[in-house]
Amino acid sequence: MATKRNDKKALATVMDYLAVYIGEKAVAGTPHFDAARQTWSIPVLCVTPRGFFFGGKVELDAHFEIMQAPSKSEFTRVVEAQLKRLPSVVYAGEAELEAKGFEVVKIG
């Protein structure tokens, strides 16, 4: 079942879903076919100014029908949780950052 043609069909199915239900910031990753389960698993990534982040996965059956896919709110929640944990470099006074609720870590 896992051929380049089928990879493209699985990818196209997921990209269509993402375009309609998630939005233009979502992109499909590399499809993987599980021969034992007869299912496709395709990771969904979010494009941000800070890079690509995992937002969930879409599972398709052997006939390319969607079995499981993240909703827009699930996708957003997963990506936002990762962005919150991502460190940032900010050049500002320590007191100013603490007043705004940032945890200050000095480098150097």
Protein backbone atom coordinates (compact mmCIF):
# COMPACT_ATOMS: atom_id res chain seq x y z
CA MET A 1 0.00 0.00 0.00
CA ALA A 2 2.81 2.44 0.74
CA THR A 3 3.88 3.71 -2.66
CA LYS A 4 4.88 7.20 -3.75
CA ARG A 5 1.51 7.55 -5.45
CA ASN A 6 -0.33 6.55 -2.29
CA ASP A 7 1.90 8.83 -0.19
CA LYS A 8 0.81 11.71 -2.40
CA LYS A 9 -2.86 10.73 -2.12
CA ALA A 10 -2.62 10.53 1.69
CA LEU A 11 -0.84 13.89 1.77
CA ALA A 12 -3.42 15.50 -0.54
CA THR A 13 -6.28 14.23 1.63
CA VAL A 14 -4.72 15.74 4.73
CA MET A 15 -3.83 19.03 3.03
CA ASP A 16 -7.45 19.38 1.89
CA TYR A 17 -8.65 18.80 5.46
CA LEU A 18 -6.18 21.32 6.87
CA ALA A 19 -7.13 23.98 4.32
CA VAL A 20 -10.81 23.70 5.24
CA TYR A 21 -10.73 23.01 8.98
CA ILE A 22 -7.46 24.38 10.39
CA GLY A 23 -6.13 27.19 8.19
CA GLU A 24 -3.12 28.29 6.18
CA LYS A 25 -0.65 28.01 9.07
CA ALA A 26 -1.04 24.20 9.15
CA VAL A 27 1.02 21.92 6.91
CA ALA A 28 1.15 18.14 6.63
CA GLY A 29 4.35 16.27 7.40
CA THR A 30 5.63 13.04 5.86
CA PRO A 31 2.98 10.29 5.59
CA HIS A 32 3.69 6.93 7.23
CA PHE A 33 1.76 3.76 6.38
CA ASP A 34 1.39 1.17 9.16
CA ALA A 35 0.97 -2.12 7.27
CA ALA A 36 -0.10 -4.04 10.38
CA ARG A 37 -2.95 -1.61 11.16
CA GLN A 38 -3.59 -0.66 7.52
CA THR A 39 -3.62 3.03 8.45
CA TRP A 40 -1.82 6.20 7.42
CA SER A 41 -0.44 8.57 10.04
CA ILE A 42 0.46 12.10 8.98
CA PRO A 43 1.85 14.67 11.43
CA VAL A 44 0.40 18.17 11.28
CA LEU A 45 2.78 21.08 11.77
CA CYS A 46 2.13 24.75 12.43
CA VAL A 47 4.21 27.37 10.63
CA THR A 48 5.12 30.27 12.95
CA PRO A 49 7.69 33.06 12.82
CA ARG A 50 9.62 31.00 15.41
CA GLY A 51 9.68 27.80 13.35
CA PHE A 52 7.58 24.69 12.81
CA PHE A 53 5.70 23.14 15.73
CA PHE A 54 3.83 19.86 16.04
CA GLY A 55 0.08 20.45 16.23
CA GLY A 56 -1.30 16.92 16.08
CA LYS A 57 -1.71 14.09 13.61
CA VAL A 58 -4.27 12.88 11.12
CA GLU A 59 -4.97 9.18 10.73
CA LEU A 60 -6.43 7.76 7.54
CA ASP A 61 -7.67 4.26 6.80
CA ALA A 62 -6.35 2.25 3.86
CA HIS A 63 -8.95 3.93 1.60
CA PHE A 64 -7.75 7.44 2.57
CA GLU A 65 -10.81 8.19 4.72
CA ILE A 66 -10.10 10.33 7.80
CA MET A 67 -10.34 8.30 11.00
CA GLN A 68 -8.96 10.94 13.38
CA ALA A 69 -7.92 14.56 12.97
CA PRO A 70 -7.37 17.48 15.34
CA SER A 71 -9.94 20.25 15.52
CA LYS A 72 -8.76 23.83 15.10
CA SER A 73 -9.05 24.41 18.87
CA GLU A 74 -7.03 21.24 19.68
CA PHE A 75 -4.39 22.21 17.12
CA THR A 76 -4.17 25.75 18.52
CA ARG A 77 -3.97 24.53 22.14
CA VAL A 78 -1.11 22.12 21.37
CA VAL A 79 0.91 24.73 19.45
CA GLU A 80 0.33 27.52 22.00
CA ALA A 81 1.51 25.24 24.83
CA GLN A 82 4.79 24.67 22.97
CA LEU A 83 5.24 28.37 22.21
CA LYS A 84 4.79 29.25 25.90
CA ARG A 85 7.65 26.91 26.85
CA LEU A 86 9.95 28.25 24.15
CA PRO A 87 12.59 30.57 25.60
CA SER A 88 13.03 34.06 24.22
CA VAL A 89 15.94 36.45 24.23
CA VAL A 90 14.86 39.93 25.29
CA TYR A 91 17.11 42.90 25.81
CA ALA A 92 15.55 44.95 28.61
CA GLY A 93 16.13 45.97 32.19
CA GLU A 94 15.62 43.29 34.83
CA ALA A 95 13.10 45.38 36.81
CA GLU A 96 11.08 46.11 33.67
CA LEU A 97 10.82 42.42 32.79
CA GLU A 98 9.91 41.36 36.33
CA ALA A 99 7.22 44.08 36.45
CA LYS A 100 5.68 42.52 33.35
CA GLY A 101 5.71 39.04 34.89
CA PHE A 102 8.64 37.56 33.02
CA GLU A 103 11.04 35.13 34.65
CA VAL A 104 14.46 36.70 34.23
CA VAL A 105 17.46 34.53 33.42
CA LYS A 106 20.76 36.32 33.00
CA ILE A 107 23.24 35.04 30.46
CA GLY A 108 26.88 35.89 30.90
